[in-house]
C-alpha atoms as a PDB file:
ATOM      1  CA  MET A   1      73.788 149.334 100.016  1.00  0.00           C
ATOM      2  CA  LEU A   2      71.745 148.441  96.938  1.00  0.00           C
ATOM      3  CA  ARG A   3      68.636 147.786  98.990  1.00  0.00           C
ATOM      4  CA  ASN A   4      68.953 151.045 100.956  1.00  0.00           C
ATOM      5  CA  ARG A   5      69.228 153.106  97.764  1.00  0.00           C
ATOM      6  CA  ARG A   6      66.244 151.277  96.296  1.00  0.00           C
ATOM      7  CA  GLU A   7      64.139 151.857  99.403  1.00  0.00           C
ATOM      8  CA  GLN A   8      65.058 155.551  99.337  1.00  0.00           C
ATOM      9  CA  GLN A   9      64.100 155.817  95.649  1.00  0.00           C
ATOM     10  CA  GLU A  10      60.773 154.048  96.297  1.00  0.00           C
ATOM     11  CA  GLU A  11      60.021 156.494  99.099  1.00  0.00           C
ATOM     12  CA  ASP A  12      60.930 159.427  96.828  1.00  0.00           C
ATOM     13  CA  ASN A  13      58.764 158.017  94.029  1.00  0.00           C
ATOM     14  CA  ALA A  14      55.845 157.542  96.405  1.00  0.00           C
ATOM     15  CA  ALA A  15      56.117 161.185  97.496  1.00  0.00           C
ATOM     16  CA  THR A  16      56.899 162.911  94.177  1.00  0.00           C
ATOM     17  CA  GLY A  17      56.445 160.354  91.389  1.00  0.00           C
ATOM     18  CA  PRO A  18      59.212 158.892  89.281  1.00  0.00           C
ATOM     19  CA  ALA A  19      62.178 161.019  88.275  1.00  0.00           C
ATOM     20  CA  PRO A  20      61.831 162.873  84.951  1.00  0.00           C
ATOM     21  CA  GLY A  21      62.544 160.624  81.969  1.00  0.00           C
ATOM     22  CA  ARG A  22      61.843 157.465  83.967  1.00  0.00           C
ATOM     23  CA  SER A  23      58.768 155.344  83.893  1.00  0.00           C
ATOM     24  CA  GLU A  24      57.519 153.429  86.847  1.00  0.00           C
ATOM     25  CA  VAL A  25      56.961 149.866  85.761  1.00  0.00           C
ATOM     26  CA  GLY A  26      55.968 148.643  89.152  1.00  0.00           C
ATOM     27  CA  PRO A  27      57.666 146.430  91.629  1.00  0.00           C
ATOM     28  CA  GLY A  28      58.888 142.965  90.787  1.00  0.00           C
ATOM     29  CA  PRO A  29      58.934 140.063  93.223  1.00  0.00           C
ATOM     30  CA  ALA A  30      58.984 141.035  96.887  1.00  0.00           C
ATOM     31  CA  GLY A  31      58.696 144.713  95.977  1.00  0.00           C
ATOM     32  CA  ARG A  32      61.825 144.660  93.832  1.00  0.00           C
ATOM     33  CA  GLY A  33      62.540 144.120  90.207  1.00  0.00           C
ATOM     34  CA  PRO A  34      62.227 145.610  86.767  1.00  0.00           C
ATOM     35  CA  GLY A  35      60.765 148.920  87.970  1.00  0.00           C
ATOM     36  CA  ARG A  36      63.827 149.928  89.924  1.00  0.00           C
ATOM     37  CA  PRO A  37      65.633 153.092  88.796  1.00  0.00           C
ATOM     38  CA  ALA A  38      68.492 152.685  86.321  1.00  0.00           C
ATOM     39  CA  GLU A  39      70.978 154.633  88.451  1.00  0.00           C
ATOM     40  CA  LEU A  40      71.165 151.895  91.085  1.00  0.00           C
ATOM     41  CA  SER A  41      74.563 150.338  91.191  1.00  0.00           C
ATOM     42  CA  GLY A  42      75.690 146.933  92.227  1.00  0.00           C
ATOM     43  CA  THR A  43      77.281 143.896  90.731  1.00  0.00           C
ATOM     44  CA  ARG A  44      75.729 142.238  87.730  1.00  0.00           C
ATOM     45  CA  GLU A  45      74.859 139.293  89.972  1.00  0.00           C
ATOM     46  CA  ASP A  46      73.074 141.641  92.416  1.00  0.00           C
ATOM     47  CA  LEU A  47      71.058 143.150  89.616  1.00  0.00           C
ATOM     48  CA  ALA A  48      70.319 139.772  88.054  1.00  0.00           C
ATOM     49  CA  SER A  49      69.024 138.428  91.355  1.00  0.00           C
ATOM     50  CA  ASP A  50      66.557 141.319  91.519  1.00  0.00           C
ATOM     51  CA  LEU A  51      64.953 140.446  88.188  1.00  0.00           C
ATOM     52  CA  ALA A  52      61.775 138.459  87.930  1.00  0.00           C
ATOM     53  CA  PRO A  53      62.267 134.749  87.255  1.00  0.00           C
ATOM     54  CA  GLY A  54      62.980 134.069  83.598  1.00  0.00           C
ATOM     55  CA  ILE A  55      64.222 137.595  82.872  1.00  0.00           C
ATOM     56  CA  SER A  56      67.858 137.981  81.970  1.00  0.00           C
ATOM     57  CA  CYS A  57      70.152 140.865  82.802  1.00  0.00           C
ATOM     58  CA  GLY A  58      71.629 140.673  79.318  1.00  0.00           C
ATOM     59  CA  THR A  59      74.547 138.313  79.623  1.00  0.00           C
ATOM     60  CA  GLU A  60      72.607 135.057  79.305  1.00  0.00           C
ATOM     61  CA  ALA A  61      70.544 136.208  76.337  1.00  0.00           C
ATOM     62  CA  ASP A  62      73.607 137.621  74.566  1.00  0.00           C
ATOM     63  CA  THR A  63      75.694 134.503  75.085  1.00  0.00           C
ATOM     64  CA  SER A  64      72.733 132.245  74.311  1.00  0.00           C
ATOM     65  CA  THR A  65      72.447 133.754  70.841  1.00  0.00           C
ATOM     66  CA  GLN A  66      76.199 133.418  70.347  1.00  0.00           C
ATOM     67  CA  ASP A  67      76.152 129.869  71.717  1.00  0.00           C
ATOM     68  CA  ASP A  68      73.282 128.919  69.397  1.00  0.00           C
ATOM     69  CA  HIS A  69      75.213 130.303  66.439  1.00  0.00           C
ATOM     70  CA  THR A  70      78.383 128.501  67.502  1.00  0.00           C
ATOM     71  CA  LEU A  71      76.460 125.255  68.064  1.00  0.00           C
ATOM     72  CA  SER A  72      74.917 125.463  64.615  1.00  0.00           C
ATOM     73  CA  GLN A  73      78.360 126.091  63.092  1.00  0.00           C
ATOM     74  CA  VAL A  74      79.787 123.114  64.976  1.00  0.00           C
ATOM     75  CA  ALA A  75      76.869 120.910  63.880  1.00  0.00           C
ATOM     76  CA  ALA A  76      77.289 121.995  60.245  1.00  0.00           C
ATOM     77  CA  LEU A  77      81.031 121.311  60.376  1.00  0.00           C
ATOM     78  CA  GLU A  78      80.420 117.921  62.000  1.00  0.00           C
ATOM     79  CA  ALA A  79      77.985 117.019  59.200  1.00  0.00           C
ATOM     80  CA  GLN A  80      80.654 117.928  56.631  1.00  0.00           C
ATOM     81  CA  VAL A  81      83.231 115.804  58.475  1.00  0.00           C
ATOM     82  CA  ILE A  82      80.896 112.804  58.505  1.00  0.00           C
ATOM     83  CA  ALA A  83      80.124 113.299  54.791  1.00  0.00           C
ATOM     84  CA  ALA A  84      83.869 113.291  54.083  1.00  0.00           C
ATOM     85  CA  LEU A  85      84.329 110.126  56.143  1.00  0.00           C
ATOM     86  CA  ARG A  86      81.503 108.491  54.209  1.00  0.00           C
ATOM     87  CA  SER A  87      83.402 109.209  50.988  1.00  0.00           C
ATOM     88  CA  CYS A  88      86.553 107.476  52.265  1.00  0.00           C
ATOM     89  CA  TYR A  89      86.612 103.773  51.434  1.00  0.00           C
ATOM     90  CA  ASP A  90      88.600 100.913  52.831  1.00  0.00           C
ATOM     91  CA  PRO A  91      90.700  99.802  49.842  1.00  0.00           C
ATOM     92  CA  GLU A  92      89.998  96.113  50.539  1.00  0.00           C
ATOM     93  CA  ILE A  93      86.253  96.401  51.218  1.00  0.00           C
ATOM     94  CA  PRO A  94      83.934  98.454  48.960  1.00  0.00           C
ATOM     95  CA  VAL A  95      82.248 100.227  51.890  1.00  0.00           C
ATOM     96  CA  SER A  96      83.037 103.591  53.487  1.00  0.00           C
ATOM     97  CA  ILE A  97      85.067 103.549  56.672  1.00  0.00           C
ATOM     98  CA  TYR A  98      82.180 105.317  58.414  1.00  0.00           C
ATOM     99  CA  ASP A  99      79.622 102.653  57.451  1.00  0.00           C
ATOM    100  CA  LEU A 100      82.105  99.899  58.264  1.00  0.00           C
ATOM    101  CA  GLY A 101      82.041 101.182  61.847  1.00  0.00           C
ATOM    102  CA  LEU A 102      85.723 102.094  61.893  1.00  0.00           C
ATOM    103  CA  ILE A 103      84.967 105.602  63.202  1.00  0.00           C
ATOM    104  CA  TYR A 104      84.381 105.484  66.944  1.00  0.00           C
ATOM    105  CA  GLU A 105      84.216 109.207  67.652  1.00  0.00           C
ATOM    106  CA  VAL A 106      83.937 112.461  65.743  1.00  0.00           C
ATOM    107  CA  ARG A 107      84.271 115.588  67.855  1.00  0.00           C
ATOM    108  CA  VAL A 108      84.239 119.120  66.499  1.00  0.00           C
ATOM    109  CA  GLU A 109      85.234 121.826  68.955  1.00  0.00           C
ATOM    110  CA  PRO A 110      83.871 125.402  68.791  1.00  0.00           C
ATOM    111  CA  THR A 111      87.414 126.380  67.755  1.00  0.00           C
ATOM    112  CA  SER A 112      86.900 124.270  64.568  1.00  0.00           C
ATOM    113  CA  GLN A 113      89.399 121.671  65.700  1.00  0.00           C
ATOM    114  CA  VAL A 114      88.358 118.156  64.694  1.00  0.00           C
ATOM    115  CA  TYR A 115      89.187 115.029  66.655  1.00  0.00           C
ATOM    116  CA  ILE A 116      88.582 111.568  65.187  1.00  0.00           C
ATOM    117  CA  ARG A 117      89.062 108.314  67.053  1.00  0.00           C
ATOM    118  CA  MET A 118      89.037 105.321  64.776  1.00  0.00           C
ATOM    119  CA  THR A 119      90.172 101.762  64.363  1.00  0.00           C
ATOM    120  CA  LEU A 120      90.970  99.410  61.501  1.00  0.00           C
ATOM    121  CA  THR A 121      89.500  96.051  60.597  1.00  0.00           C
ATOM    122  CA  SER A 122      92.680  94.331  61.777  1.00  0.00           C
ATOM    123  CA  PRO A 123      95.947  95.238  63.492  1.00  0.00           C
ATOM    124  CA  ALA A 124      97.654  93.662  60.485  1.00  0.00           C
ATOM    125  CA  CYS A 125      95.806  95.958  58.054  1.00  0.00           C
ATOM    126  CA  PRO A 126      98.293  96.693  55.237  1.00  0.00           C
ATOM    127  CA  VAL A 127      96.941 100.218  54.634  1.00  0.00           C
ATOM    128  CA  ALA A 128      97.020 101.398  58.246  1.00  0.00           C
ATOM    129  CA  GLY A 129      99.418 104.310  57.784  1.00  0.00           C
ATOM    130  CA  ALA A 130      97.961 105.377  54.463  1.00  0.00           C
ATOM    131  CA  LEU A 131      94.352 105.263  55.633  1.00  0.00           C
ATOM    132  CA  LEU A 132      94.976 107.408  58.713  1.00  0.00           C
ATOM    133  CA  GLY A 133      96.843 109.947  56.597  1.00  0.00           C
ATOM    134  CA  GLU A 134      94.039 109.963  54.016  1.00  0.00           C
ATOM    135  CA  VAL A 135      91.422 110.597  56.715  1.00  0.00           C
ATOM    136  CA  GLU A 136      93.432 113.498  58.123  1.00  0.00           C
ATOM    137  CA  TRP A 137      94.007 114.970  54.644  1.00  0.00           C
ATOM    138  CA  MET A 138      90.313 114.704  53.695  1.00  0.00           C
ATOM    139  CA  ILE A 139      89.180 116.472  56.863  1.00  0.00           C
ATOM    140  CA  ARG A 140      91.762 119.244  56.436  1.00  0.00           C
ATOM    141  CA  GLN A 141      90.256 120.010  52.998  1.00  0.00           C
ATOM    142  CA  ILE A 142      86.931 121.027  54.576  1.00  0.00           C
ATOM    143  CA  PRO A 143      86.622 124.831  54.677  1.00  0.00           C
ATOM    144  CA  GLY A 144      86.636 126.126  58.234  1.00  0.00           C
ATOM    145  CA  VAL A 145      88.569 123.235  59.794  1.00  0.00           C
ATOM    146  CA  GLN A 146      91.464 124.669  61.800  1.00  0.00           C
ATOM    147  CA  ASP A 147      93.203 121.484  62.906  1.00  0.00           C
ATOM    148  CA  VAL A 148      92.703 117.709  62.762  1.00  0.00           C
ATOM    149  CA  GLN A 149      93.796 114.984  65.119  1.00  0.00           C
ATOM    150  CA  VAL A 150      93.247 111.351  64.135  1.00  0.00           C
ATOM    151  CA  GLU A 151      93.790 108.770  66.852  1.00  0.00           C
ATOM    152  CA  LEU A 152      94.062 105.055  66.135  1.00  0.00           C
ATOM    153  CA  THR A 153      92.705 102.752  68.818  1.00  0.00           C
ATOM    154  CA  TRP A 154      92.233  99.012  69.155  1.00  0.00           C
ATOM    155  CA  ASP A 155      89.824  99.274  72.053  1.00  0.00           C
ATOM    156  CA  PRO A 156      87.335  97.926  71.327  1.00  0.00           C
ATOM    157  CA  MET A 157      88.525  95.682  68.529  1.00  0.00           C
ATOM    158  CA  TRP A 158      86.496  96.068  65.354  1.00  0.00           C
ATOM    159  CA  ASN A 159      84.038  93.320  64.475  1.00  0.00           C
ATOM    160  CA  PRO A 160      81.428  92.973  61.706  1.00  0.00           C
ATOM    161  CA  GLY A 161      78.644  93.807  64.162  1.00  0.00           C
ATOM    162  CA  MET A 162      79.903  97.414  64.144  1.00  0.00           C
ATOM    163  CA  MET A 163      78.906  97.897  60.503  1.00  0.00           C
ATOM    164  CA  SER A 164      75.813  99.876  59.621  1.00  0.00           C
ATOM    165  CA  GLU A 165      72.818  97.948  58.371  1.00  0.00           C
ATOM    166  CA  ALA A 166      73.385  99.361  54.881  1.00  0.00           C
ATOM    167  CA  ALA A 167      76.979  98.099  54.895  1.00  0.00           C
ATOM    168  CA  ARG A 168      75.909  94.635  56.001  1.00  0.00           C
ATOM    169  CA  LEU A 169      73.309  94.486  53.224  1.00  0.00           C
ATOM    170  CA  GLN A 170      75.846  95.725  50.668  1.00  0.00           C
ATOM    171  CA  LEU A 171      78.307  93.023  51.686  1.00  0.00           C
ATOM    172  CA  GLY A 172      75.650  90.321  51.945  1.00  0.00           C
ATOM    173  CA  ILE A 173      76.078  89.927  55.720  1.00  0.00           C
ATOM    174  CA  TYR A 174      72.640  89.448  57.237  1.00  0.00           C
END
């Protein structure tokens, strides 16, 4: 139906010129495209398929701008989370838990929920419960964070090779 209405409009335009208030841009690919009259109806997908390559029907461009904004917010929040983790120190070792390599994963969702997967230097670590609680509390203090989940894992087991180069230098481990 969309094609038949378009063909009829093109025939009318050829005979009388474009309708008042409309400009004729010219045909797009295969005689279709951006020059078609605005009164044509069809699904958004139908209309999008008629556009020239690289031209959006509005949804992609609108969501792209929103997605870019959301991605930048997520990236900014993730940077704040990592900064907070870098300010949290293992009580037995004078190095941040982030630089020690105890943080295996930091994930910030677009909903501002933060997920942290971490380990400890040893399963017998005497501050295990306190350290996990401190990490959760620190992350909750960051403005914009909606929820925090901290997961303790022993896979893989921590080893000194997981430390950052700066941490190894600080501790004299070359």
